[in-house]
Amino acid sequence: MAMTAGGRGGAISAINVTPLVDVVLVLLIIFMVVTPMLQRGKDVKLPVAAKKEHDEGQADPMIVSITSDKRVWLEKDPVTDDQLKEALRLKLSADALKPILVKGDQSLTFGDVRKVLKDAQDAKAKSVKLGVEEK
């Protein structure tokens, strides 16, 4: 009973792609799971702007979102008017130059968004920007 270890002539030159496919599929699954978590703030449908300013080198902003049902969110936490003022004041006391990005749903009136802008002004914010979608 004789056993052979491979064919004649030496090394096998074919590449085994099975481990490569396994690694690529695992990475794909990781990216599919992590990508939805990368969005900050509450998910809102932003108004469309003709052109948009691009900020390079700006600090990471605090996200204040206003949903279509007029609820206000600081990052992922729902807040009331008084809680928003206090939270902004507290965070700005640690970093006075931290910008604030206000994401208001496109179905809102300016008066609804203005309340949040007034709260940011009362908290002594130096930089407040409105989030928009580019055309």
N, C-alpha and C. Protein backbone atom coordinates (compact mmCIF):
# COMPACT_ATOMS: atom_id res chain seq x y z
N MET A 1 0.83 -1.16 0.00
CA MET A 1 0.00 0.00 0.00
C MET A 1 0.89 1.24 0.00
N ALA A 2 0.94 1.88 -1.09
CA ALA A 2 1.81 3.04 -1.23
C ALA A 2 0.97 4.32 -1.22
N MET A 3 1.50 5.35 -0.61
CA MET A 3 0.81 6.65 -0.56
C MET A 3 1.69 7.68 -1.24
N THR A 4 1.07 8.57 -1.95
CA THR A 4 1.84 9.63 -2.58
C THR A 4 1.46 10.96 -1.95
N ALA A 5 2.38 11.85 -1.87
CA ALA A 5 2.15 13.18 -1.30
C ALA A 5 2.25 14.21 -2.41
N GLY A 6 1.23 14.32 -3.21
CA GLY A 6 1.25 15.29 -4.29
C GLY A 6 1.60 14.65 -5.60
N GLY A 7 1.59 15.45 -6.61
CA GLY A 7 1.89 14.93 -7.93
C GLY A 7 3.37 14.96 -8.20
N ARG A 8 3.71 14.58 -9.34
CA ARG A 8 5.11 14.60 -9.73
C ARG A 8 5.56 16.01 -10.00
N GLY A 9 6.76 16.28 -9.73
CA GLY A 9 7.35 17.51 -10.17
C GLY A 9 7.41 18.62 -9.14
N GLY A 10 6.74 18.59 -7.99
CA GLY A 10 6.97 19.62 -6.99
C GLY A 10 5.73 20.32 -6.48
N ALA A 11 5.87 21.62 -6.24
CA ALA A 11 4.86 22.42 -5.55
C ALA A 11 3.64 22.68 -6.42
N ILE A 12 2.50 22.83 -5.76
CA ILE A 12 1.26 23.15 -6.46
C ILE A 12 1.21 24.66 -6.64
N SER A 13 0.96 25.13 -7.84
CA SER A 13 0.99 26.56 -8.11
C SER A 13 -0.39 27.22 -8.05
N ALA A 14 -1.45 26.49 -7.77
CA ALA A 14 -2.79 27.06 -7.69
C ALA A 14 -2.98 27.77 -6.35
N ILE A 15 -3.64 28.92 -6.38
CA ILE A 15 -3.89 29.69 -5.15
C ILE A 15 -5.21 29.22 -4.55
N ASN A 16 -5.19 29.00 -3.26
CA ASN A 16 -6.40 28.61 -2.55
C ASN A 16 -7.14 29.89 -2.14
N VAL A 17 -8.28 30.18 -2.78
CA VAL A 17 -9.01 31.42 -2.53
C VAL A 17 -10.05 31.30 -1.42
N THR A 18 -10.25 30.14 -0.89
CA THR A 18 -11.26 29.95 0.16
C THR A 18 -10.99 30.82 1.39
N PRO A 19 -9.76 30.87 1.92
CA PRO A 19 -9.55 31.75 3.08
C PRO A 19 -9.75 33.23 2.74
N LEU A 20 -9.40 33.63 1.53
CA LEU A 20 -9.60 35.01 1.10
C LEU A 20 -11.08 35.36 1.06
N VAL A 21 -11.89 34.48 0.52
CA VAL A 21 -13.33 34.70 0.45
C VAL A 21 -13.92 34.77 1.86
N ASP A 22 -13.45 33.92 2.76
CA ASP A 22 -13.93 33.94 4.15
C ASP A 22 -13.63 35.29 4.81
N VAL A 23 -12.43 35.80 4.64
CA VAL A 23 -12.05 37.07 5.24
C VAL A 23 -12.87 38.21 4.65
N VAL A 24 -13.06 38.23 3.35
CA VAL A 24 -13.83 39.29 2.69
C VAL A 24 -15.28 39.26 3.16
N LEU A 25 -15.88 38.10 3.29
CA LEU A 25 -17.26 38.02 3.76
C LEU A 25 -17.39 38.49 5.21
N VAL A 26 -16.44 38.15 6.06
CA VAL A 26 -16.47 38.63 7.44
C VAL A 26 -16.35 40.14 7.49
N LEU A 27 -15.45 40.72 6.69
CA LEU A 27 -15.32 42.18 6.65
C LEU A 27 -16.59 42.84 6.13
N LEU A 28 -17.22 42.24 5.14
CA LEU A 28 -18.47 42.78 4.61
C LEU A 28 -19.55 42.80 5.68
N ILE A 29 -19.67 41.74 6.43
CA ILE A 29 -20.66 41.68 7.51
C ILE A 29 -20.37 42.72 8.57
N ILE A 30 -19.09 42.88 8.93
CA ILE A 30 -18.72 43.89 9.93
C ILE A 30 -19.11 45.28 9.45
N PHE A 31 -18.80 45.62 8.20
CA PHE A 31 -19.14 46.94 7.68
C PHE A 31 -20.66 47.14 7.58
N MET A 32 -21.40 46.09 7.26
CA MET A 32 -22.85 46.21 7.18
C MET A 32 -23.46 46.47 8.56
N VAL A 33 -22.87 45.93 9.59
CA VAL A 33 -23.38 46.12 10.95
C VAL A 33 -22.96 47.48 11.50
N VAL A 34 -21.73 47.91 11.23
CA VAL A 34 -21.20 49.13 11.83
C VAL A 34 -21.69 50.40 11.12
N THR A 35 -21.90 50.37 9.82
CA THR A 35 -22.24 51.56 9.06
C THR A 35 -23.48 52.29 9.57
N PRO A 36 -24.58 51.63 9.89
CA PRO A 36 -25.73 52.38 10.42
C PRO A 36 -25.44 53.07 11.75
N MET A 37 -24.48 52.58 12.51
CA MET A 37 -24.16 53.18 13.80
C MET A 37 -23.30 54.42 13.66
N LEU A 38 -22.74 54.68 12.47
CA LEU A 38 -21.87 55.82 12.28
C LEU A 38 -22.64 57.13 12.19
N GLN A 39 -23.91 57.08 11.85
CA GLN A 39 -24.70 58.30 11.75
C GLN A 39 -24.96 58.84 13.14
N ARG A 40 -24.68 60.13 13.31
CA ARG A 40 -24.88 60.74 14.61
C ARG A 40 -26.17 61.54 14.60
N GLY A 41 -26.75 61.69 15.75
CA GLY A 41 -28.00 62.43 15.86
C GLY A 41 -29.17 61.55 15.44
N LYS A 42 -30.33 62.12 15.48
CA LYS A 42 -31.55 61.41 15.09
C LYS A 42 -31.71 61.50 13.59
N ASP A 43 -32.27 60.47 13.00
CA ASP A 43 -32.46 60.43 11.55
C ASP A 43 -33.61 61.35 11.16
N VAL A 44 -33.30 62.38 10.37
CA VAL A 44 -34.31 63.31 9.87
C VAL A 44 -34.09 63.52 8.39
N LYS A 45 -35.15 63.92 7.68
CA LYS A 45 -35.04 64.22 6.25
C LYS A 45 -34.70 65.70 6.13
N LEU A 46 -33.47 65.98 5.74
CA LEU A 46 -32.96 67.35 5.69
C LEU A 46 -33.48 68.10 4.47
N PRO A 47 -33.63 69.42 4.58
CA PRO A 47 -34.01 70.21 3.41
C PRO A 47 -32.88 70.23 2.38
N VAL A 48 -33.23 70.48 1.14
CA VAL A 48 -32.25 70.48 0.05
C VAL A 48 -31.76 71.92 -0.18
N ALA A 49 -30.45 72.08 -0.31
CA ALA A 49 -29.86 73.39 -0.58
C ALA A 49 -29.21 73.39 -1.96
N ALA A 50 -29.18 74.56 -2.59
CA ALA A 50 -28.58 74.67 -3.92
C ALA A 50 -27.08 74.42 -3.86
N LYS A 51 -26.42 74.99 -2.87
CA LYS A 51 -25.01 74.69 -2.69
C LYS A 51 -24.71 74.62 -1.20
N LYS A 52 -23.65 73.93 -0.87
CA LYS A 52 -23.35 73.61 0.51
C LYS A 52 -21.91 74.00 0.80
N GLU A 53 -21.68 74.55 1.98
CA GLU A 53 -20.32 74.86 2.40
C GLU A 53 -19.64 73.59 2.89
N HIS A 54 -18.38 73.45 2.56
CA HIS A 54 -17.61 72.30 3.04
C HIS A 54 -16.62 72.80 4.08
N ASP A 55 -16.67 72.20 5.26
CA ASP A 55 -15.77 72.59 6.34
C ASP A 55 -14.65 71.57 6.46
N GLU A 56 -13.44 72.02 6.25
CA GLU A 56 -12.30 71.16 6.49
C GLU A 56 -11.61 71.64 7.75
N GLY A 57 -11.23 70.72 8.58
CA GLY A 57 -10.47 71.06 9.77
C GLY A 57 -11.33 71.57 10.92
N GLN A 58 -12.64 71.48 10.83
CA GLN A 58 -13.50 71.92 11.92
C GLN A 58 -13.57 70.83 12.98
N ALA A 59 -13.81 71.27 14.22
CA ALA A 59 -13.97 70.32 15.33
C ALA A 59 -15.25 69.51 15.12
N ASP A 60 -15.32 68.37 15.76
CA ASP A 60 -16.47 67.49 15.68
C ASP A 60 -17.66 68.18 16.35
N PRO A 61 -18.77 68.43 15.62
CA PRO A 61 -19.86 69.20 16.20
C PRO A 61 -20.78 68.38 17.10
N MET A 62 -21.52 69.09 17.96
CA MET A 62 -22.63 68.47 18.69
C MET A 62 -23.82 68.48 17.74
N ILE A 63 -24.53 67.38 17.68
CA ILE A 63 -25.66 67.26 16.76
C ILE A 63 -26.96 67.45 17.54
N VAL A 64 -27.75 68.44 17.11
CA VAL A 64 -29.09 68.66 17.65
C VAL A 64 -30.06 68.39 16.52
N SER A 65 -30.94 67.42 16.69
CA SER A 65 -31.89 67.04 15.65
C SER A 65 -33.30 67.39 16.07
N ILE A 66 -34.10 67.83 15.09
CA ILE A 66 -35.51 68.11 15.34
C ILE A 66 -36.30 67.26 14.34
N THR A 67 -37.07 66.33 14.85
CA THR A 67 -37.81 65.40 13.99
C THR A 67 -39.09 66.06 13.49
N SER A 68 -39.77 65.39 12.58
CA SER A 68 -40.99 65.95 11.99
C SER A 68 -42.11 66.11 13.01
N ASP A 69 -42.06 65.35 14.11
CA ASP A 69 -43.07 65.51 15.16
C ASP A 69 -42.65 66.56 16.20
N LYS A 70 -41.64 67.38 15.87
CA LYS A 70 -41.15 68.51 16.66
C LYS A 70 -40.49 68.10 17.98
N ARG A 71 -39.99 66.87 18.04
CA ARG A 71 -39.23 66.44 19.20
C ARG A 71 -37.76 66.79 18.97
N VAL A 72 -37.08 67.21 20.03
CA VAL A 72 -35.69 67.64 19.93
C VAL A 72 -34.80 66.57 20.54
N TRP A 73 -33.68 66.29 19.85
CA TRP A 73 -32.74 65.26 20.28
C TRP A 73 -31.34 65.87 20.32
N LEU A 74 -30.61 65.63 21.40
CA LEU A 74 -29.20 66.01 21.50
C LEU A 74 -28.42 64.73 21.32
N GLU A 75 -27.72 64.62 20.19
CA GLU A 75 -27.10 63.37 19.74
C GLU A 75 -28.22 62.34 19.62
N LYS A 76 -28.25 61.29 20.46
CA LYS A 76 -29.30 60.26 20.37
C LYS A 76 -30.28 60.32 21.54
N ASP A 77 -30.18 61.37 22.36
CA ASP A 77 -31.02 61.47 23.55
C ASP A 77 -32.13 62.50 23.36
N PRO A 78 -33.39 62.13 23.63
CA PRO A 78 -34.47 63.12 23.53
C PRO A 78 -34.36 64.12 24.69
N VAL A 79 -34.59 65.40 24.40
CA VAL A 79 -34.49 66.43 25.43
C VAL A 79 -35.66 67.40 25.30
N THR A 80 -35.99 68.05 26.41
CA THR A 80 -36.98 69.13 26.40
C THR A 80 -36.23 70.44 26.17
N ASP A 81 -36.97 71.53 26.07
CA ASP A 81 -36.35 72.85 25.86
C ASP A 81 -35.37 73.19 26.99
N ASP A 82 -35.81 73.03 28.22
CA ASP A 82 -34.96 73.36 29.36
C ASP A 82 -33.75 72.44 29.45
N GLN A 83 -33.96 71.15 29.19
CA GLN A 83 -32.85 70.20 29.22
C GLN A 83 -31.83 70.52 28.13
N LEU A 84 -32.31 70.95 26.97
CA LEU A 84 -31.40 71.28 25.87
C LEU A 84 -30.52 72.46 26.24
N LYS A 85 -31.13 73.51 26.79
CA LYS A 85 -30.35 74.68 27.20
C LYS A 85 -29.27 74.29 28.20
N GLU A 86 -29.65 73.52 29.20
CA GLU A 86 -28.70 73.13 30.24
C GLU A 86 -27.61 72.21 29.70
N ALA A 87 -27.99 71.26 28.84
CA ALA A 87 -26.99 70.34 28.28
C ALA A 87 -26.01 71.08 27.38
N LEU A 88 -26.51 72.00 26.56
CA LEU A 88 -25.63 72.79 25.71
C LEU A 88 -24.71 73.66 26.55
N ARG A 89 -25.26 74.28 27.57
CA ARG A 89 -24.45 75.14 28.45
C ARG A 89 -23.34 74.32 29.11
N LEU A 90 -23.68 73.12 29.57
CA LEU A 90 -22.71 72.25 30.23
C LEU A 90 -21.61 71.82 29.26
N LYS A 91 -21.99 71.40 28.06
CA LYS A 91 -20.99 70.93 27.09
C LYS A 91 -20.14 72.08 26.57
N LEU A 92 -20.73 73.26 26.43
CA LEU A 92 -19.96 74.40 25.95
C LEU A 92 -19.06 74.97 27.03
N SER A 93 -19.36 74.71 28.29
CA SER A 93 -18.46 75.17 29.35
C SER A 93 -17.15 74.38 29.30
N ALA A 94 -17.22 73.12 28.86
CA ALA A 94 -16.01 72.30 28.72
C ALA A 94 -15.21 72.70 27.48
N ASP A 95 -15.90 73.03 26.38
CA ASP A 95 -15.24 73.42 25.13
C ASP A 95 -16.08 74.52 24.48
N ALA A 96 -15.72 75.77 24.74
CA ALA A 96 -16.51 76.91 24.29
C ALA A 96 -16.56 77.06 22.77
N LEU A 97 -15.58 76.53 22.07
CA LEU A 97 -15.53 76.67 20.61
C LEU A 97 -16.16 75.51 19.86
N LYS A 98 -16.75 74.55 20.58
CA LYS A 98 -17.34 73.38 19.93
C LYS A 98 -18.55 73.82 19.10
N PRO A 99 -18.55 73.51 17.79
CA PRO A 99 -19.68 73.92 16.95
C PRO A 99 -20.92 73.06 17.21
N ILE A 100 -22.07 73.61 16.87
CA ILE A 100 -23.34 72.90 17.01
C ILE A 100 -23.93 72.78 15.61
N LEU A 101 -24.35 71.56 15.25
CA LEU A 101 -24.99 71.31 13.97
C LEU A 101 -26.46 71.01 14.23
N VAL A 102 -27.35 71.84 13.70
CA VAL A 102 -28.79 71.67 13.88
C VAL A 102 -29.34 71.00 12.63
N LYS A 103 -29.93 69.81 12.83
CA LYS A 103 -30.53 69.05 11.74
C LYS A 103 -32.04 69.09 11.93
N GLY A 104 -32.72 69.90 11.14
CA GLY A 104 -34.17 70.02 11.23
C GLY A 104 -34.84 69.32 10.07
N ASP A 105 -35.90 68.59 10.33
CA ASP A 105 -36.63 67.90 9.28
C ASP A 105 -37.19 68.93 8.30
N GLN A 106 -37.27 68.56 7.02
CA GLN A 106 -37.71 69.50 6.00
C GLN A 106 -39.18 69.88 6.12
N SER A 107 -39.96 69.12 6.88
CA SER A 107 -41.38 69.44 7.04
C SER A 107 -41.62 70.51 8.10
N LEU A 108 -40.59 70.90 8.84
CA LEU A 108 -40.74 71.90 9.91
C LEU A 108 -40.76 73.31 9.35
N THR A 109 -41.37 74.20 10.11
CA THR A 109 -41.30 75.62 9.76
C THR A 109 -40.04 76.20 10.39
N PHE A 110 -39.67 77.39 9.95
CA PHE A 110 -38.47 78.02 10.51
C PHE A 110 -38.67 78.34 11.99
N GLY A 111 -39.90 78.63 12.38
CA GLY A 111 -40.19 78.93 13.78
C GLY A 111 -39.85 77.76 14.70
N ASP A 112 -40.07 76.53 14.21
CA ASP A 112 -39.74 75.34 15.01
C ASP A 112 -38.23 75.22 15.21
N VAL A 113 -37.48 75.52 14.17
CA VAL A 113 -36.02 75.43 14.25
C VAL A 113 -35.45 76.61 15.02
N ARG A 114 -36.12 77.74 14.93
CA ARG A 114 -35.65 78.96 15.59
C ARG A 114 -35.57 78.78 17.10
N LYS A 115 -36.47 78.00 17.68
CA LYS A 115 -36.44 77.76 19.13
C LYS A 115 -35.11 77.13 19.54
N VAL A 116 -34.65 76.16 18.74
CA VAL A 116 -33.38 75.49 19.04
C VAL A 116 -32.21 76.46 18.84
N LEU A 117 -32.29 77.28 17.80
CA LEU A 117 -31.24 78.28 17.57
C LEU A 117 -31.16 79.27 18.72
N LYS A 118 -32.31 79.64 19.26
CA LYS A 118 -32.35 80.55 20.41
C LYS A 118 -31.74 79.88 21.65
N ASP A 119 -32.03 78.59 21.85
CA ASP A 119 -31.43 77.86 22.97
C ASP A 119 -29.91 77.81 22.84
N ALA A 120 -29.42 77.62 21.62
CA ALA A 120 -27.96 77.60 21.41
C ALA A 120 -27.37 78.98 21.67
N GLN A 121 -28.08 80.02 21.27
CA GLN A 121 -27.60 81.38 21.53
C GLN A 121 -27.58 81.65 23.03
N ASP A 122 -28.61 81.22 23.74
CA ASP A 122 -28.66 81.41 25.20
C ASP A 122 -27.54 80.64 25.91
N ALA A 123 -27.11 79.53 25.31
CA ALA A 123 -26.03 78.73 25.90
C ALA A 123 -24.66 79.28 25.53
N LYS A 124 -24.62 80.41 24.81
CA LYS A 124 -23.38 81.09 24.42
C LYS A 124 -22.57 80.29 23.40
N ALA A 125 -23.26 79.68 22.44
CA ALA A 125 -22.58 78.94 21.38
C ALA A 125 -21.89 79.91 20.43
N LYS A 126 -20.67 79.60 20.04
CA LYS A 126 -19.91 80.45 19.12
C LYS A 126 -20.21 80.14 17.67
N SER A 127 -20.55 78.86 17.37
CA SER A 127 -20.77 78.45 15.99
C SER A 127 -21.97 77.50 15.93
N VAL A 128 -23.01 77.93 15.19
CA VAL A 128 -24.19 77.10 14.99
C VAL A 128 -24.41 77.00 13.49
N LYS A 129 -24.55 75.77 12.99
CA LYS A 129 -24.74 75.56 11.56
C LYS A 129 -25.99 74.72 11.33
N LEU A 130 -26.62 74.91 10.19
CA LEU A 130 -27.81 74.15 9.81
C LEU A 130 -27.42 73.03 8.86
N GLY A 131 -27.91 71.84 9.12
CA GLY A 131 -27.64 70.69 8.26
C GLY A 131 -28.58 70.67 7.07
N VAL A 132 -28.04 70.48 5.87
CA VAL A 132 -28.84 70.41 4.65
C VAL A 132 -28.33 69.28 3.77
N GLU A 133 -29.16 68.85 2.84
CA GLU A 133 -28.77 67.90 1.81
C GLU A 133 -28.33 68.69 0.60
N GLU A 134 -27.32 68.19 -0.10
CA GLU A 134 -26.87 68.87 -1.32
C GLU A 134 -27.69 68.38 -2.49
N LYS A 135 -28.02 69.30 -3.43
CA LYS A 135 -28.80 68.95 -4.62
C LYS A 135 -28.10 67.93 -5.47
